[in-house]
Amino acid sequence: MKFWLFKSEPDAWSWDQQVAKGASGEEWTGVRNYQARNNMRAMQVGDLGFFYHSNVGKEIVGIVEVIRTSAPDSTTDDPRWDCVVIKAVCPLRHPVTLDTCKVQPGLEAMALVTNTRLSVQPVSEAEWRIVCGLAGLDPIGL
């Protein structure tokens, strides 16, 4: 299993909207960056990700699961762009802010800290464990 982080502006697509989609999940559409697209192409069903509110809040607020691998993005006819389908797994007990990540030992190299513009990014297992700990979640029991 691999770990990821998905960024969304909450006024465009929020954690609450993701939760409302239930078990059917939602396509993660609209990604128009090759690196982010390639990250989605590397995802497998069952991979987990953090759901991050960008711009407003700037915090990790939930955990999602990939439930469909990369396929053509239904919002465009351009064959270069793909998307995965993700479903909400659980909210974080304590949202983890970008500011917290920036000062937390072990997260110095996290893409969220070093490449703040990338909308879909990998998260290492060590980073996953640290953020889950900060959020009050057991990374194994998810």
Protein backbone atom coordinates (compact mmCIF):
# COMPACT_ATOMS: atom_id res chain seq x y z
CA MET A 1 0.00 0.00 0.00
CA LYS A 2 1.11 3.51 -0.80
CA PHE A 3 0.10 6.82 0.75
CA TRP A 4 -0.88 10.09 -0.91
CA LEU A 5 -2.17 13.58 -0.27
CA PHE A 6 -5.03 15.18 -2.24
CA LYS A 7 -5.42 18.96 -2.12
CA SER A 8 -8.68 20.75 -2.63
CA GLU A 9 -9.89 24.27 -2.06
CA PRO A 10 -12.80 23.75 0.34
CA ASP A 11 -14.99 26.27 -1.48
CA ALA A 12 -14.57 24.15 -4.66
CA TRP A 13 -14.69 20.64 -3.10
CA SER A 14 -14.70 20.16 0.66
CA TRP A 15 -14.21 17.26 3.03
CA ASP A 16 -17.95 17.39 3.85
CA GLN A 17 -18.80 17.03 0.15
CA GLN A 18 -16.39 14.09 -0.12
CA VAL A 19 -18.02 12.42 2.90
CA ALA A 20 -21.48 12.99 1.40
CA LYS A 21 -20.50 10.87 -1.64
CA GLY A 22 -20.40 7.82 0.63
CA ALA A 23 -19.12 4.45 -0.50
CA SER A 24 -19.40 5.33 -4.20
CA GLY A 25 -16.76 8.04 -3.77
CA GLU A 26 -15.99 10.74 -6.29
CA GLU A 27 -13.69 11.18 -9.27
CA TRP A 28 -10.69 13.37 -8.43
CA THR A 29 -11.09 15.45 -11.60
CA GLY A 30 -9.59 18.63 -12.93
CA VAL A 31 -5.92 17.84 -12.33
CA ARG A 32 -3.91 19.51 -15.10
CA ASN A 33 -0.36 18.96 -13.91
CA TYR A 34 1.71 16.10 -15.34
CA GLN A 35 3.43 15.23 -12.06
CA ALA A 36 0.11 15.09 -10.18
CA ARG A 37 -1.44 13.04 -13.02
CA ASN A 38 1.48 10.62 -12.93
CA ASN A 39 1.02 10.26 -9.18
CA MET A 40 -2.60 9.24 -9.80
CA ARG A 41 -1.48 6.77 -12.47
CA ALA A 42 0.74 5.12 -9.84
CA MET A 43 -2.15 4.59 -7.39
CA GLN A 44 -3.70 1.22 -6.65
CA VAL A 45 -7.09 0.33 -5.19
CA GLY A 46 -6.74 0.37 -1.40
CA ASP A 47 -4.07 3.07 -1.26
CA LEU A 48 -4.83 5.70 1.38
CA GLY A 49 -4.49 9.45 1.22
CA PHE A 50 -4.81 12.57 3.28
CA PHE A 51 -7.52 15.06 2.27
CA TYR A 52 -6.04 18.56 2.53
CA HIS A 53 -7.96 21.85 2.51
CA SER A 54 -5.77 24.32 0.62
CA ASN A 55 -6.06 28.11 0.61
CA VAL A 56 -8.76 28.17 3.32
CA GLY A 57 -7.64 26.34 6.45
CA LYS A 58 -4.43 24.89 5.02
CA GLU A 59 -4.87 21.69 6.98
CA ILE A 60 -5.20 17.94 6.58
CA VAL A 61 -8.77 17.15 7.61
CA GLY A 62 -9.47 13.55 6.61
CA ILE A 63 -8.38 10.24 5.17
CA VAL A 64 -9.55 8.88 1.84
CA GLU A 65 -9.11 5.56 0.03
CA VAL A 66 -8.52 4.98 -3.67
CA ILE A 67 -11.43 2.84 -4.92
CA ARG A 68 -10.76 3.00 -8.69
CA THR A 69 -7.45 3.27 -10.46
CA SER A 70 -6.59 5.97 -12.96
CA ALA A 71 -8.91 6.36 -15.95
CA PRO A 72 -9.73 9.20 -18.36
CA ASP A 73 -10.95 12.35 -16.60
CA SER A 74 -14.66 12.69 -17.42
CA THR A 75 -14.47 16.50 -17.32
CA THR A 76 -12.34 16.79 -20.46
CA ASP A 77 -11.99 15.31 -23.93
CA ASP A 78 -8.22 15.73 -23.73
CA PRO A 79 -6.75 12.21 -23.47
CA ARG A 80 -3.72 13.44 -21.50
CA TRP A 81 -5.69 13.81 -18.26
CA ASP A 82 -6.70 11.03 -15.90
CA CYS A 83 -8.29 10.75 -12.49
CA VAL A 84 -8.86 8.21 -9.75
CA VAL A 85 -11.97 7.70 -7.63
CA ILE A 86 -11.60 8.21 -3.88
CA LYS A 87 -13.96 7.72 -0.96
CA ALA A 88 -13.85 9.22 2.52
CA VAL A 89 -12.61 6.85 5.23
CA CYS A 90 -12.57 9.00 8.36
CA PRO A 91 -12.06 12.57 9.54
CA LEU A 92 -8.95 13.46 11.52
CA ARG A 93 -9.68 13.86 15.23
CA HIS A 94 -7.34 16.83 15.22
CA PRO A 95 -6.76 18.49 11.81
CA VAL A 96 -3.04 18.91 11.07
CA THR A 97 -2.10 22.32 9.73
CA LEU A 98 0.57 23.15 7.17
CA ASP A 99 2.29 25.25 9.84
CA THR A 100 2.48 22.21 12.12
CA CYS A 101 3.93 20.09 9.30
CA LYS A 102 6.58 22.73 8.61
CA VAL A 103 7.99 22.52 12.15
CA GLN A 104 7.39 18.83 12.91
CA PRO A 105 10.58 16.73 12.99
CA GLY A 106 10.41 14.05 10.32
CA LEU A 107 8.24 16.09 7.94
CA GLU A 108 10.95 18.41 6.59
CA ALA A 109 11.06 16.55 3.25
CA MET A 110 7.30 16.01 2.93
CA ALA A 111 6.02 17.21 -0.44
CA LEU A 112 3.36 19.28 1.35
CA VAL A 113 6.20 21.29 2.91
CA THR A 114 8.64 21.37 -0.03
CA ASN A 115 6.27 21.52 -3.03
CA THR A 116 3.18 23.32 -1.83
CA ARG A 117 1.75 23.78 -5.36
CA LEU A 118 1.48 20.07 -6.26
CA SER A 119 -2.18 19.02 -5.96
CA VAL A 120 -1.68 15.23 -5.74
CA GLN A 121 1.47 14.11 -4.00
CA PRO A 122 3.10 11.04 -2.48
CA VAL A 123 3.44 10.63 1.27
CA SER A 124 6.07 8.28 2.72
CA GLU A 125 5.07 5.66 5.29
CA ALA A 126 7.10 7.52 7.95
CA GLU A 127 5.31 10.81 7.10
CA TRP A 128 1.97 8.98 7.18
CA ARG A 129 2.66 7.66 10.68
CA ILE A 130 3.78 11.07 11.98
CA VAL A 131 0.73 12.92 10.62
CA CYS A 132 -1.65 10.22 11.89
CA GLY A 133 -0.03 10.54 15.32
CA LEU A 134 -0.47 14.32 15.28
CA ALA A 135 -4.10 13.80 14.30
CA GLY A 136 -4.79 11.35 17.11
CA LEU A 137 -5.24 8.34 14.80
CA ASP A 138 -3.65 4.92 14.81
CA PRO A 139 -2.06 4.59 11.35
CA ILE A 140 -2.32 0.79 11.53
CA GLY A 141 -5.98 0.61 12.54
CA LEU A 142 -7.37 2.48 9.55
